[in-house]
Amino acid sequence: MTWQSVLKKTGLYLLKIIIILLLIAVAFFGGLMIGYGVIGDGNSPMDVFEPELWQHILDFIM
C-alpha cells in the first residue's frame, strides 16, 4: 500500500462522514421546522429558530 492510496481511502472515509453529518443536520432542522410550523403551532416554520421560543421551552424543563 502506498501513502497515496492510504490518503485517498482516508479522504473518502472522512468525506462520507461529513456528508452523513450534513444529512443528519438537514433532517434535524427540517424536522424542527415541519414539527413546529406545520404540525404544531401553525405559525411560520422559521419561528422555531427564535431564541424566545427556546427560552420558553427551557423554562419548562428547568
C-alpha atoms as a PDB file:
ATOM      1  CA  MET A   1       0.000   0.000   0.000  1.00  0.00           C
ATOM      2  CA  THR A   2       1.311   3.400  -0.897  1.00  0.00           C
ATOM      3  CA  TRP A   3       0.786   6.618   1.011  1.00  0.00           C
ATOM      4  CA  GLN A   4      -1.341   7.933  -1.820  1.00  0.00           C
ATOM      5  CA  SER A   5      -3.790   5.048  -1.578  1.00  0.00           C
ATOM      6  CA  VAL A   6      -3.952   5.391   2.209  1.00  0.00           C
ATOM      7  CA  LEU A   7      -4.632   9.130   1.934  1.00  0.00           C
ATOM      8  CA  LYS A   8      -7.228   8.535  -0.757  1.00  0.00           C
ATOM      9  CA  LYS A   9      -9.072   5.941   1.337  1.00  0.00           C
ATOM     10  CA  THR A  10      -8.881   8.150   4.428  1.00  0.00           C
ATOM     11  CA  GLY A  11     -10.134  11.161   2.486  1.00  0.00           C
ATOM     12  CA  LEU A  12     -13.075   9.219   1.075  1.00  0.00           C
ATOM     13  CA  TYR A  13     -13.900   7.918   4.553  1.00  0.00           C
ATOM     14  CA  LEU A  14     -13.871  11.424   6.014  1.00  0.00           C
ATOM     15  CA  LEU A  15     -15.951  12.727   3.102  1.00  0.00           C
ATOM     16  CA  LYS A  16     -18.576  10.069   3.774  1.00  0.00           C
ATOM     17  CA  ILE A  17     -18.693  11.016   7.450  1.00  0.00           C
ATOM     18  CA  ILE A  18     -19.077  14.717   6.609  1.00  0.00           C
ATOM     19  CA  ILE A  19     -21.867  14.008   4.124  1.00  0.00           C
ATOM     20  CA  ILE A  20     -23.723  11.846   6.648  1.00  0.00           C
ATOM     21  CA  LEU A  21     -23.391  14.522   9.352  1.00  0.00           C
ATOM     22  CA  LEU A  22     -24.724  17.156   6.952  1.00  0.00           C
ATOM     23  CA  LEU A  23     -27.686  14.956   6.037  1.00  0.00           C
ATOM     24  CA  ILE A  24     -28.426  14.402   9.730  1.00  0.00           C
ATOM     25  CA  ALA A  25     -28.315  18.168  10.362  1.00  0.00           C
ATOM     26  CA  VAL A  26     -30.629  18.876   7.405  1.00  0.00           C
ATOM     27  CA  ALA A  27     -33.079  16.215   8.606  1.00  0.00           C
ATOM     28  CA  PHE A  28     -32.967  17.580  12.164  1.00  0.00           C
ATOM     29  CA  PHE A  29     -33.616  21.188  11.221  1.00  0.00           C
ATOM     30  CA  GLY A  30     -36.179  20.194   8.615  1.00  0.00           C
ATOM     31  CA  GLY A  31     -37.970  18.123  11.242  1.00  0.00           C
ATOM     32  CA  LEU A  32     -37.923  21.056  13.655  1.00  0.00           C
ATOM     33  CA  MET A  33     -39.435  23.341  11.048  1.00  0.00           C
ATOM     34  CA  ILE A  34     -42.117  20.875   9.957  1.00  0.00           C
ATOM     35  CA  GLY A  35     -42.953  19.829  13.507  1.00  0.00           C
ATOM     36  CA  TYR A  36     -43.328  23.359  14.820  1.00  0.00           C
ATOM     37  CA  GLY A  37     -44.588  25.242  11.775  1.00  0.00           C
ATOM     38  CA  VAL A  38     -46.841  22.709  10.090  1.00  0.00           C
ATOM     39  CA  ILE A  39     -47.879  20.110  12.646  1.00  0.00           C
ATOM     40  CA  GLY A  40     -47.589  22.183  15.798  1.00  0.00           C
ATOM     41  CA  ASP A  41     -48.484  25.798  16.444  1.00  0.00           C
ATOM     42  CA  GLY A  42     -49.128  26.620  12.806  1.00  0.00           C
ATOM     43  CA  ASN A  43     -47.017  29.778  12.726  1.00  0.00           C
ATOM     44  CA  SER A  44     -44.165  30.328  10.329  1.00  0.00           C
ATOM     45  CA  PRO A  45     -41.724  27.398  10.264  1.00  0.00           C
ATOM     46  CA  MET A  46     -38.850  29.854  10.728  1.00  0.00           C
ATOM     47  CA  ASP A  47     -40.231  30.797  14.152  1.00  0.00           C
ATOM     48  CA  VAL A  48     -38.627  27.661  15.561  1.00  0.00           C
ATOM     49  CA  PHE A  49     -35.232  29.391  15.421  1.00  0.00           C
ATOM     50  CA  GLU A  50     -36.221  32.319  17.627  1.00  0.00           C
ATOM     51  CA  PRO A  51     -34.360  32.400  20.966  1.00  0.00           C
ATOM     52  CA  GLU A  52     -37.522  33.339  22.872  1.00  0.00           C
ATOM     53  CA  LEU A  53     -39.132  30.026  21.943  1.00  0.00           C
ATOM     54  CA  TRP A  54     -36.149  28.054  23.198  1.00  0.00           C
ATOM     55  CA  GLN A  55     -36.032  30.102  26.403  1.00  0.00           C
ATOM     56  CA  HIS A  56     -39.715  29.286  26.930  1.00  0.00           C
ATOM     57  CA  ILE A  57     -39.004  25.570  26.385  1.00  0.00           C
ATOM     58  CA  LEU A  58     -36.038  25.657  28.781  1.00  0.00           C
ATOM     59  CA  ASP A  59     -38.201  27.357  31.412  1.00  0.00           C
ATOM     60  CA  PHE A  60     -40.470  24.294  31.397  1.00  0.00           C
ATOM     61  CA  ILE A  61     -37.538  21.899  31.729  1.00  0.00           C
ATOM     62  CA  MET A  62     -35.607  23.662  34.481  1.00  0.00           C
END
